[in-house]
C-alpha atoms as a PDB file:
ATOM      1  CA  MET A   1      37.528 -57.318  35.812  1.00  0.00           C
ATOM      2  CA  SER A   2      34.535 -58.058  33.938  1.00  0.00           C
ATOM      3  CA  ILE A   3      34.009 -58.159  29.958  1.00  0.00           C
ATOM      4  CA  GLU A   4      31.843 -54.824  30.360  1.00  0.00           C
ATOM      5  CA  ARG A   5      34.757 -53.103  32.323  1.00  0.00           C
ATOM      6  CA  ALA A   6      37.484 -54.596  29.758  1.00  0.00           C
ATOM      7  CA  ILE A   7      35.435 -53.535  26.784  1.00  0.00           C
ATOM      8  CA  MET A   8      35.309 -49.856  28.063  1.00  0.00           C
ATOM      9  CA  ALA A   9      39.121 -49.839  28.984  1.00  0.00           C
ATOM     10  CA  PHE A  10      39.740 -51.382  25.629  1.00  0.00           C
ATOM     11  CA  ALA A  11      37.781 -48.992  23.541  1.00  0.00           C
ATOM     12  CA  GLY A  12      39.177 -45.838  25.595  1.00  0.00           C
ATOM     13  CA  PHE A  13      42.774 -47.009  24.859  1.00  0.00           C
ATOM     14  CA  MET A  14      42.022 -47.639  21.236  1.00  0.00           C
ATOM     15  CA  VAL A  15      40.771 -43.949  20.966  1.00  0.00           C
ATOM     16  CA  LEU A  16      43.471 -42.431  22.903  1.00  0.00           C
ATOM     17  CA  VAL A  17      46.050 -44.576  20.709  1.00  0.00           C
ATOM     18  CA  SER A  18      44.398 -43.529  17.285  1.00  0.00           C
ATOM     19  CA  ILE A  19      44.225 -39.946  18.402  1.00  0.00           C
ATOM     20  CA  ALA A  20      48.014 -40.014  19.163  1.00  0.00           C
ATOM     21  CA  LEU A  21      48.900 -41.799  15.760  1.00  0.00           C
ATOM     22  CA  THR A  22      46.595 -39.190  13.916  1.00  0.00           C
ATOM     23  CA  VAL A  23      48.420 -36.065  15.536  1.00  0.00           C
ATOM     24  CA  TRP A  24      52.245 -37.896  15.311  1.00  0.00           C
ATOM     25  CA  ILE A  25      51.956 -40.312  12.417  1.00  0.00           C
ATOM     26  CA  ASN A  26      49.371 -39.516   9.834  1.00  0.00           C
ATOM     27  CA  ASP A  27      45.759 -37.828   9.476  1.00  0.00           C
ATOM     28  CA  ASN A  28      44.388 -41.094   8.198  1.00  0.00           C
ATOM     29  CA  PHE A  29      44.736 -42.851  11.492  1.00  0.00           C
ATOM     30  CA  ILE A  30      41.309 -40.863  12.406  1.00  0.00           C
ATOM     31  CA  TRP A  31      39.672 -43.603  10.573  1.00  0.00           C
ATOM     32  CA  LEU A  32      40.473 -45.970  13.568  1.00  0.00           C
ATOM     33  CA  THR A  33      39.059 -43.741  16.020  1.00  0.00           C
ATOM     34  CA  VAL A  34      35.667 -43.782  13.460  1.00  0.00           C
ATOM     35  CA  PHE A  35      35.812 -47.569  13.731  1.00  0.00           C
ATOM     36  CA  VAL A  36      36.102 -47.588  17.319  1.00  0.00           C
ATOM     37  CA  GLY A  37      32.967 -45.300  17.765  1.00  0.00           C
ATOM     38  CA  ALA A  38      31.102 -47.051  15.076  1.00  0.00           C
ATOM     39  CA  ASN A  39      31.559 -50.394  16.781  1.00  0.00           C
ATOM     40  CA  LEU A  40      30.603 -49.102  20.059  1.00  0.00           C
ATOM     41  CA  PHE A  41      27.397 -47.514  18.825  1.00  0.00           C
ATOM     42  CA  GLN A  42      26.197 -50.743  16.702  1.00  0.00           C
ATOM     43  CA  SER A  43      27.343 -53.056  19.714  1.00  0.00           C
ATOM     44  CA  ALA A  44      25.107 -51.268  22.109  1.00  0.00           C
ATOM     45  CA  TYR A  45      21.972 -51.966  19.839  1.00  0.00           C
ATOM     46  CA  THR A  46      22.952 -55.193  18.520  1.00  0.00           C
ATOM     47  CA  GLY A  47      24.769 -56.956  21.300  1.00  0.00           C
ATOM     48  CA  PHE A  48      27.554 -57.981  18.894  1.00  0.00           C
ATOM     49  CA  CYS A  49      31.243 -57.176  19.902  1.00  0.00           C
ATOM     50  CA  PRO A  50      34.262 -58.989  18.384  1.00  0.00           C
ATOM     51  CA  ALA A  51      36.428 -57.658  21.235  1.00  0.00           C
ATOM     52  CA  ALA A  52      33.903 -59.427  23.625  1.00  0.00           C
ATOM     53  CA  MET A  53      34.026 -62.563  21.950  1.00  0.00           C
ATOM     54  CA  ILE A  54      37.841 -62.811  22.145  1.00  0.00           C
ATOM     55  CA  MET A  55      37.943 -61.619  25.737  1.00  0.00           C
ATOM     56  CA  ARG A  56      35.455 -64.644  26.518  1.00  0.00           C
ATOM     57  CA  LYS A  57      37.825 -66.947  25.075  1.00  0.00           C
ATOM     58  CA  LEU A  58      40.701 -65.563  27.171  1.00  0.00           C
ATOM     59  CA  GLY A  59      38.610 -66.325  30.450  1.00  0.00           C
ATOM     60  CA  PHE A  60      36.951 -62.982  30.950  1.00  0.00           C
ATOM     61  CA  LYS A  61      33.724 -63.174  32.816  1.00  0.00           C
ATOM     62  CA  SER A  62      30.454 -61.106  32.665  1.00  0.00           C
ATOM     63  CA  GLU A  63      29.400 -58.969  35.451  1.00  0.00           C
ATOM     64  CA  ALA A  64      26.436 -61.321  36.049  1.00  0.00           C
ATOM     65  CA  GLN A  65      28.860 -64.414  36.033  1.00  0.00           C
ATOM     66  CA  LEU A  66      31.006 -62.518  38.647  1.00  0.00           C
ATOM     67  CA  ALA A  67      28.088 -61.705  40.893  1.00  0.00           C
ATOM     68  CA  SER A  68      26.682 -65.086  40.769  1.00  0.00           C
ATOM     69  CA  ALA A  69      30.093 -66.665  41.631  1.00  0.00           C
ATOM     70  CA  ASN A  70      30.337 -64.319  44.541  1.00  0.00           C
ATOM     71  CA  LYS A  71      27.174 -65.362  46.002  1.00  0.00           C
ATOM     72  CA  ASP A  72      28.162 -68.913  46.488  1.00  0.00           C
END
């Protein structure tokens, strides 16, 4: 799995978890949803994503790296 797809999966998971926490635990968990959305928005413009940095350290590769590895 590429970093790009992993980020989308992680963000979607976090939104679903935060909505569940908001419904069943406490209304203030809605701020986690806001944080995830704001982080996705800013990373689209700046390219800075803390989750991507962590995933790179865990060994995930970008789409470009995977494509070039498949050509060899």
